[in-house]
Structure formats: C-alpha cells, structure tokens
C-alpha cells in the first residue's frame, strides 16, 4: 500500500514533467484528497471516481482521490501506480483544456464509455 504522502510526491513529480501550458487558467491547481469517492453515476454499485475536473465559484481545479486510487491500485507496483496517476491527471487536464476551448469531446466519450460499461455488466439496457 502507498501512503498519501507517497502518492502526493508521485503526483507532484508527474505534474512537474508536464508542459506548463496545460495548467493555464487552472487557478485551483491539482489537489490530492484523502477520500474514497464512489461515482454518482452508480449509486451503491462500487464504481470509483479516481479524479475530477471541477469548474465552479472557486475556479478551475483538479481533484485526485487518494482513497479511490488506493482501492483500485493500492497493490500495484510503484511503476504501475505512477502510470495510473499520470493517466488520471492527463485525463482531467484534457477536460480542463477542452473546457477552455469550449469543447466537450472527452466528456461525451466518458458518458458513452460509462453507458457501455453498464450495458456490458447487464445493469442498464
């Protein structure tokens, strides 16, 4: 298992490797929160939310959920955990960049993948 400090250090290292331009207007930055977050799309179903891009009265920011990352990837090697964190962060940064451009392509793709997941699992028609 990885401590929240270890995950935070990995996340900081990953963010430092990315071009500064992708963080433009992300005034709330990237934060690692301790919670385990279950998806609003699947109440009681055990589908985790690993990260979120948020745009609200507080500004634009990304939240990564340590508890969710640990629940899904806690037994991974450090290399696999780092790759998973990078994937989640870049996914959320893509939402941010699309938001700045007035686009919703990734949001639509996420919705379609979620519907496909529910269809394959037999939980929605």
N, C-alpha and C. Protein backbone atom coordinates (compact mmCIF):
# COMPACT_ATOMS: atom_id res chain seq x y z
N UNK A 1 0.83 -1.19 0.00
CA UNK A 1 0.00 0.00 0.00
C UNK A 1 0.88 1.25 0.00
N UNK A 2 0.35 2.28 -0.61
CA UNK A 2 1.05 3.55 -0.70
C UNK A 2 0.43 4.54 0.27
N UNK A 3 1.27 5.29 0.94
CA UNK A 3 0.77 6.33 1.83
C UNK A 3 0.31 7.53 1.00
N UNK A 4 -0.48 8.38 1.60
CA UNK A 4 -0.95 9.58 0.90
C UNK A 4 0.25 10.48 0.56
N UNK A 5 1.26 10.48 1.40
CA UNK A 5 2.46 11.28 1.13
C UNK A 5 3.20 10.75 -0.10
N UNK A 6 3.29 9.42 -0.23
CA UNK A 6 3.96 8.82 -1.39
C UNK A 6 3.21 9.14 -2.68
N UNK A 7 1.89 9.04 -2.63
CA UNK A 7 1.08 9.34 -3.81
C UNK A 7 1.18 10.82 -4.16
N UNK A 8 1.17 11.67 -3.15
CA UNK A 8 1.28 13.11 -3.39
C UNK A 8 2.63 13.44 -4.04
N UNK A 9 3.68 12.81 -3.60
CA UNK A 9 5.00 13.04 -4.19
C UNK A 9 5.03 12.57 -5.65
N UNK A 10 4.44 11.41 -5.93
CA UNK A 10 4.36 10.93 -7.32
C UNK A 10 3.59 11.93 -8.18
N UNK A 11 2.47 12.40 -7.65
CA UNK A 11 1.62 13.33 -8.39
C UNK A 11 2.37 14.64 -8.67
N UNK A 12 3.09 15.14 -7.68
CA UNK A 12 3.88 16.36 -7.87
C UNK A 12 4.94 16.15 -8.95
N UNK A 13 5.60 14.99 -8.92
CA UNK A 13 6.64 14.69 -9.92
C UNK A 13 6.04 14.62 -11.33
N UNK A 14 4.89 13.98 -11.44
CA UNK A 14 4.22 13.86 -12.74
C UNK A 14 3.84 15.24 -13.26
N UNK A 15 3.25 16.05 -12.40
CA UNK A 15 2.83 17.41 -12.80
C UNK A 15 4.04 18.24 -13.24
N UNK A 16 5.16 18.08 -12.57
CA UNK A 16 6.36 18.85 -12.90
C UNK A 16 6.91 18.46 -14.28
N UNK A 17 6.62 17.26 -14.74
CA UNK A 17 7.10 16.78 -16.05
C UNK A 17 6.24 17.28 -17.21
N UNK A 18 5.05 17.76 -16.92
CA UNK A 18 4.13 18.19 -17.97
C UNK A 18 4.41 19.63 -18.38
N UNK A 19 4.08 19.98 -19.62
CA UNK A 19 4.30 21.36 -20.06
C UNK A 19 3.45 22.34 -19.24
N UNK A 20 4.04 23.44 -18.82
CA UNK A 20 3.30 24.41 -18.00
C UNK A 20 2.03 24.93 -18.67
N UNK A 21 1.99 24.92 -20.00
CA UNK A 21 0.83 25.44 -20.73
C UNK A 21 -0.45 24.69 -20.39
N UNK A 22 -0.36 23.41 -20.03
CA UNK A 22 -1.58 22.63 -19.76
C UNK A 22 -2.23 23.06 -18.44
N UNK A 23 -1.50 23.80 -17.63
CA UNK A 23 -2.03 24.27 -16.35
C UNK A 23 -2.56 25.70 -16.43
N UNK A 24 -2.54 26.29 -17.63
CA UNK A 24 -3.01 27.65 -17.83
C UNK A 24 -4.45 27.79 -17.34
N UNK A 25 -4.70 28.79 -16.55
CA UNK A 25 -6.03 29.10 -16.00
C UNK A 25 -6.58 28.03 -15.06
N UNK A 26 -5.74 27.11 -14.64
CA UNK A 26 -6.15 26.12 -13.63
C UNK A 26 -5.81 26.74 -12.28
N UNK A 27 -6.60 27.77 -11.92
CA UNK A 27 -6.25 28.60 -10.78
C UNK A 27 -6.29 27.88 -9.44
N UNK A 28 -7.02 26.77 -9.36
CA UNK A 28 -7.07 25.98 -8.11
C UNK A 28 -6.07 24.86 -8.09
N UNK A 29 -5.35 24.68 -9.19
CA UNK A 29 -4.30 23.67 -9.25
C UNK A 29 -4.83 22.24 -9.19
N UNK A 30 -3.95 21.36 -8.74
CA UNK A 30 -4.25 19.94 -8.61
C UNK A 30 -4.11 19.59 -7.14
N UNK A 31 -5.12 18.94 -6.59
CA UNK A 31 -5.04 18.55 -5.18
C UNK A 31 -5.33 17.06 -5.03
N UNK A 32 -4.70 16.49 -4.04
CA UNK A 32 -4.92 15.09 -3.68
C UNK A 32 -5.74 15.09 -2.40
N UNK A 33 -6.94 14.50 -2.48
CA UNK A 33 -7.81 14.46 -1.31
C UNK A 33 -7.85 13.05 -0.77
N UNK A 34 -8.01 12.88 0.52
CA UNK A 34 -7.94 11.55 1.13
C UNK A 34 -9.14 10.64 0.86
N UNK A 35 -10.24 11.20 0.40
CA UNK A 35 -11.48 10.44 0.28
C UNK A 35 -11.41 9.28 -0.73
N UNK A 36 -12.28 8.32 -0.46
CA UNK A 36 -12.63 7.30 -1.44
C UNK A 36 -13.95 7.78 -2.02
N UNK A 37 -13.98 8.02 -3.33
CA UNK A 37 -15.15 8.61 -3.95
C UNK A 37 -15.81 7.59 -4.87
N UNK A 38 -17.07 7.29 -4.58
CA UNK A 38 -17.85 6.43 -5.46
C UNK A 38 -18.58 7.29 -6.48
N UNK A 39 -18.73 6.75 -7.67
CA UNK A 39 -19.33 7.50 -8.77
C UNK A 39 -20.79 7.82 -8.51
N UNK A 40 -21.18 9.06 -8.80
CA UNK A 40 -22.58 9.47 -8.72
C UNK A 40 -23.42 8.72 -9.75
N UNK A 41 -22.78 8.25 -10.81
CA UNK A 41 -23.47 7.54 -11.89
C UNK A 41 -23.87 6.13 -11.51
N UNK A 42 -23.32 5.64 -10.39
CA UNK A 42 -23.54 4.25 -10.00
C UNK A 42 -23.76 4.15 -8.49
N UNK A 43 -24.84 4.76 -7.98
CA UNK A 43 -25.06 4.77 -6.54
C UNK A 43 -25.09 3.34 -5.97
N UNK A 44 -24.24 3.10 -5.00
CA UNK A 44 -24.19 1.79 -4.35
C UNK A 44 -23.57 0.70 -5.18
N UNK A 45 -23.06 1.03 -6.35
CA UNK A 45 -22.55 -0.01 -7.24
C UNK A 45 -21.07 -0.30 -7.15
N UNK A 46 -20.33 0.50 -6.43
CA UNK A 46 -18.91 0.24 -6.28
C UNK A 46 -18.03 0.75 -7.40
N UNK A 47 -18.53 1.65 -8.23
CA UNK A 47 -17.72 2.24 -9.30
C UNK A 47 -17.04 3.49 -8.74
N UNK A 48 -15.72 3.47 -8.73
CA UNK A 48 -14.94 4.54 -8.12
C UNK A 48 -14.71 5.71 -9.07
N UNK A 49 -14.63 6.90 -8.49
CA UNK A 49 -14.17 8.09 -9.19
C UNK A 49 -12.74 8.32 -8.73
N UNK A 50 -11.80 8.29 -9.68
CA UNK A 50 -10.39 8.46 -9.34
C UNK A 50 -9.99 9.92 -9.33
N UNK A 51 -10.62 10.72 -10.19
CA UNK A 51 -10.29 12.13 -10.26
C UNK A 51 -11.43 12.90 -10.90
N UNK A 52 -11.40 14.20 -10.71
CA UNK A 52 -12.44 15.07 -11.28
C UNK A 52 -11.83 16.41 -11.68
N UNK A 53 -12.31 16.92 -12.79
CA UNK A 53 -12.04 18.31 -13.17
C UNK A 53 -13.25 19.11 -12.71
N UNK A 54 -13.00 20.17 -11.98
CA UNK A 54 -14.09 20.98 -11.48
C UNK A 54 -13.94 22.42 -11.95
N UNK A 55 -15.10 23.00 -12.22
CA UNK A 55 -15.18 24.41 -12.59
C UNK A 55 -16.40 24.96 -11.87
N UNK A 56 -16.15 25.79 -10.88
CA UNK A 56 -17.25 26.33 -10.07
C UNK A 56 -16.85 27.70 -9.54
N UNK A 57 -17.54 28.18 -8.52
CA UNK A 57 -17.27 29.51 -7.97
C UNK A 57 -15.86 29.63 -7.41
N UNK A 58 -15.23 28.50 -7.14
CA UNK A 58 -13.85 28.51 -6.63
C UNK A 58 -12.83 28.58 -7.77
N UNK A 59 -13.30 28.41 -9.00
CA UNK A 59 -12.42 28.47 -10.15
C UNK A 59 -12.33 27.14 -10.87
N UNK A 60 -11.18 26.89 -11.45
CA UNK A 60 -10.91 25.66 -12.21
C UNK A 60 -9.84 24.88 -11.46
N UNK A 61 -10.13 23.61 -11.20
CA UNK A 61 -9.17 22.81 -10.45
C UNK A 61 -9.42 21.32 -10.67
N UNK A 62 -8.42 20.54 -10.31
CA UNK A 62 -8.49 19.09 -10.45
C UNK A 62 -8.32 18.47 -9.07
N UNK A 63 -9.15 17.47 -8.81
CA UNK A 63 -9.06 16.72 -7.56
C UNK A 63 -8.76 15.26 -7.91
N UNK A 64 -7.76 14.70 -7.27
CA UNK A 64 -7.46 13.27 -7.37
C UNK A 64 -7.80 12.67 -6.01
N UNK A 65 -8.49 11.53 -6.00
CA UNK A 65 -8.93 10.91 -4.75
C UNK A 65 -8.00 9.78 -4.35
N UNK A 66 -7.23 10.04 -3.31
CA UNK A 66 -6.27 9.07 -2.79
C UNK A 66 -6.95 7.75 -2.42
N UNK A 67 -8.07 7.82 -1.69
CA UNK A 67 -8.76 6.60 -1.26
C UNK A 67 -9.20 5.75 -2.44
N UNK A 68 -9.68 6.39 -3.49
CA UNK A 68 -10.10 5.65 -4.69
C UNK A 68 -8.89 5.04 -5.41
N UNK A 69 -7.82 5.82 -5.53
CA UNK A 69 -6.60 5.31 -6.17
C UNK A 69 -6.07 4.11 -5.39
N UNK A 70 -6.08 4.24 -4.08
CA UNK A 70 -5.59 3.15 -3.23
C UNK A 70 -6.48 1.92 -3.34
N UNK A 71 -7.79 2.12 -3.40
CA UNK A 71 -8.72 1.00 -3.51
C UNK A 71 -8.51 0.22 -4.81
N UNK A 72 -8.26 0.93 -5.89
CA UNK A 72 -8.11 0.30 -7.20
C UNK A 72 -6.67 -0.14 -7.47
N UNK A 73 -5.71 0.68 -7.09
CA UNK A 73 -4.32 0.44 -7.48
C UNK A 73 -3.37 0.25 -6.30
N UNK A 74 -3.89 0.10 -5.11
CA UNK A 74 -3.06 0.04 -3.91
C UNK A 74 -2.06 -1.09 -3.87
N UNK A 75 -2.33 -2.18 -4.59
CA UNK A 75 -1.40 -3.32 -4.58
C UNK A 75 -0.50 -3.33 -5.81
N UNK A 76 -0.61 -2.30 -6.64
CA UNK A 76 0.24 -2.18 -7.82
C UNK A 76 1.68 -1.89 -7.42
N UNK A 77 2.58 -2.11 -8.35
CA UNK A 77 3.96 -1.67 -8.14
C UNK A 77 3.98 -0.15 -8.20
N UNK A 78 5.07 0.43 -7.75
CA UNK A 78 5.20 1.89 -7.81
C UNK A 78 5.12 2.37 -9.26
N UNK A 79 5.70 1.61 -10.17
CA UNK A 79 5.68 1.99 -11.59
C UNK A 79 4.25 2.00 -12.14
N UNK A 80 3.46 0.99 -11.79
CA UNK A 80 2.07 0.93 -12.26
C UNK A 80 1.22 2.02 -11.61
N UNK A 81 1.45 2.28 -10.33
CA UNK A 81 0.70 3.34 -9.65
C UNK A 81 1.01 4.68 -10.30
N UNK A 82 2.27 4.92 -10.59
CA UNK A 82 2.67 6.18 -11.23
C UNK A 82 2.00 6.32 -12.59
N UNK A 83 1.96 5.23 -13.36
CA UNK A 83 1.32 5.26 -14.68
C UNK A 83 -0.17 5.54 -14.53
N UNK A 84 -0.81 4.95 -13.53
CA UNK A 84 -2.24 5.19 -13.30
C UNK A 84 -2.50 6.63 -12.90
N UNK A 85 -1.68 7.17 -12.02
CA UNK A 85 -1.81 8.57 -11.62
C UNK A 85 -1.63 9.50 -12.81
N UNK A 86 -0.65 9.21 -13.65
CA UNK A 86 -0.40 10.04 -14.82
C UNK A 86 -1.60 9.99 -15.76
N UNK A 87 -2.16 8.80 -15.93
CA UNK A 87 -3.33 8.65 -16.80
C UNK A 87 -4.52 9.46 -16.27
N UNK A 88 -4.77 9.39 -14.98
CA UNK A 88 -5.88 10.14 -14.38
C UNK A 88 -5.63 11.64 -14.50
N UNK A 89 -4.42 12.07 -14.18
CA UNK A 89 -4.12 13.50 -14.25
C UNK A 89 -4.24 14.03 -15.68
N UNK A 90 -3.69 13.33 -16.64
CA UNK A 90 -3.77 13.81 -18.02
C UNK A 90 -5.20 13.78 -18.54
N UNK A 91 -5.98 12.81 -18.09
CA UNK A 91 -7.40 12.76 -18.46
C UNK A 91 -8.11 14.03 -17.95
N UNK A 92 -7.90 14.34 -16.69
CA UNK A 92 -8.55 15.52 -16.11
C UNK A 92 -8.02 16.82 -16.72
N UNK A 93 -6.75 16.85 -17.04
CA UNK A 93 -6.20 18.03 -17.72
C UNK A 93 -6.81 18.19 -19.12
N UNK A 94 -7.11 17.09 -19.77
CA UNK A 94 -7.76 17.16 -21.08
C UNK A 94 -9.15 17.78 -20.93
N UNK A 95 -9.88 17.39 -19.87
CA UNK A 95 -11.18 18.04 -19.61
C UNK A 95 -10.97 19.55 -19.43
N UNK A 96 -9.93 19.93 -18.70
CA UNK A 96 -9.65 21.34 -18.46
C UNK A 96 -9.39 22.08 -19.78
N UNK A 97 -8.52 21.52 -20.60
CA UNK A 97 -8.18 22.18 -21.86
C UNK A 97 -9.39 22.26 -22.79
N UNK A 98 -10.19 21.20 -22.82
CA UNK A 98 -11.41 21.24 -23.63
C UNK A 98 -12.37 22.30 -23.11
N UNK A 99 -12.46 22.44 -21.80
CA UNK A 99 -13.34 23.45 -21.22
C UNK A 99 -12.89 24.85 -21.66
N UNK A 100 -11.60 25.09 -21.65
CA UNK A 100 -11.08 26.38 -22.09
C UNK A 100 -11.41 26.65 -23.55
N UNK A 101 -11.45 25.57 -24.34
CA UNK A 101 -11.72 25.71 -25.78
C UNK A 101 -13.21 25.63 -26.11
N UNK A 102 -14.05 25.42 -25.09
CA UNK A 102 -15.48 25.31 -25.33
C UNK A 102 -15.87 23.98 -25.97
N UNK A 103 -15.08 22.96 -25.76
CA UNK A 103 -15.34 21.63 -26.33
C UNK A 103 -15.81 20.67 -25.25
N UNK A 104 -16.43 19.56 -25.68
CA UNK A 104 -16.93 18.56 -24.73
C UNK A 104 -16.62 17.14 -25.21
N UNK A 105 -15.70 16.97 -26.15
CA UNK A 105 -15.46 15.66 -26.75
C UNK A 105 -15.15 14.58 -25.72
N UNK A 106 -14.24 14.85 -24.80
CA UNK A 106 -13.88 13.84 -23.80
C UNK A 106 -15.03 13.58 -22.85
N UNK A 107 -15.77 14.60 -22.50
CA UNK A 107 -16.94 14.43 -21.64
C UNK A 107 -17.96 13.49 -22.30
N UNK A 108 -18.19 13.70 -23.58
CA UNK A 108 -19.12 12.84 -24.33
C UNK A 108 -18.59 11.42 -24.41
N UNK A 109 -17.30 11.28 -24.67
CA UNK A 109 -16.68 9.95 -24.73
C UNK A 109 -16.81 9.25 -23.38
N UNK A 110 -16.57 9.96 -22.29
CA UNK A 110 -16.72 9.38 -20.95
C UNK A 110 -18.14 8.87 -20.73
N UNK A 111 -19.13 9.68 -21.13
CA UNK A 111 -20.53 9.28 -20.97
C UNK A 111 -20.83 8.01 -21.77
N UNK A 112 -20.31 7.94 -23.00
CA UNK A 112 -20.55 6.77 -23.84
C UNK A 112 -19.87 5.53 -23.25
N UNK A 113 -18.67 5.68 -22.74
CA UNK A 113 -17.97 4.55 -22.13
C UNK A 113 -18.68 4.07 -20.86
N UNK A 114 -19.23 5.00 -20.10
CA UNK A 114 -19.97 4.63 -18.90
C UNK A 114 -21.24 3.85 -19.27
N UNK A 115 -21.96 4.33 -20.27
CA UNK A 115 -23.16 3.61 -20.73
C UNK A 115 -22.80 2.23 -21.25
N UNK A 116 -21.70 2.12 -21.99
CA UNK A 116 -21.24 0.82 -22.48
C UNK A 116 -20.89 -0.10 -21.32
N UNK A 117 -20.24 0.42 -20.31
CA UNK A 117 -19.90 -0.36 -19.12
C UNK A 117 -21.17 -0.93 -18.47
N UNK A 118 -22.18 -0.08 -18.30
CA UNK A 118 -23.42 -0.55 -17.69
C UNK A 118 -24.14 -1.57 -18.56
N UNK A 119 -24.12 -1.37 -19.86
CA UNK A 119 -24.74 -2.32 -20.78
C UNK A 119 -24.06 -3.69 -20.70
N UNK A 120 -22.73 -3.69 -20.75
CA UNK A 120 -21.97 -4.96 -20.70
C UNK A 120 -22.17 -5.67 -19.36
N UNK A 121 -22.33 -4.89 -18.29
CA UNK A 121 -22.49 -5.51 -16.97
C UNK A 121 -23.93 -5.94 -16.73
N UNK A 122 -24.82 -5.63 -17.69
CA UNK A 122 -26.23 -6.01 -17.56
C UNK A 122 -27.00 -5.16 -16.58
N UNK A 123 -26.46 -4.02 -16.23
CA UNK A 123 -27.13 -3.18 -15.23
C UNK A 123 -27.95 -2.07 -15.85
N UNK A 124 -27.83 -1.90 -17.16
CA UNK A 124 -28.68 -0.94 -17.89
C UNK A 124 -28.90 -1.50 -19.28
N UNK A 125 -30.02 -1.14 -19.85
CA UNK A 125 -30.32 -1.62 -21.21
C UNK A 125 -29.92 -0.61 -22.24
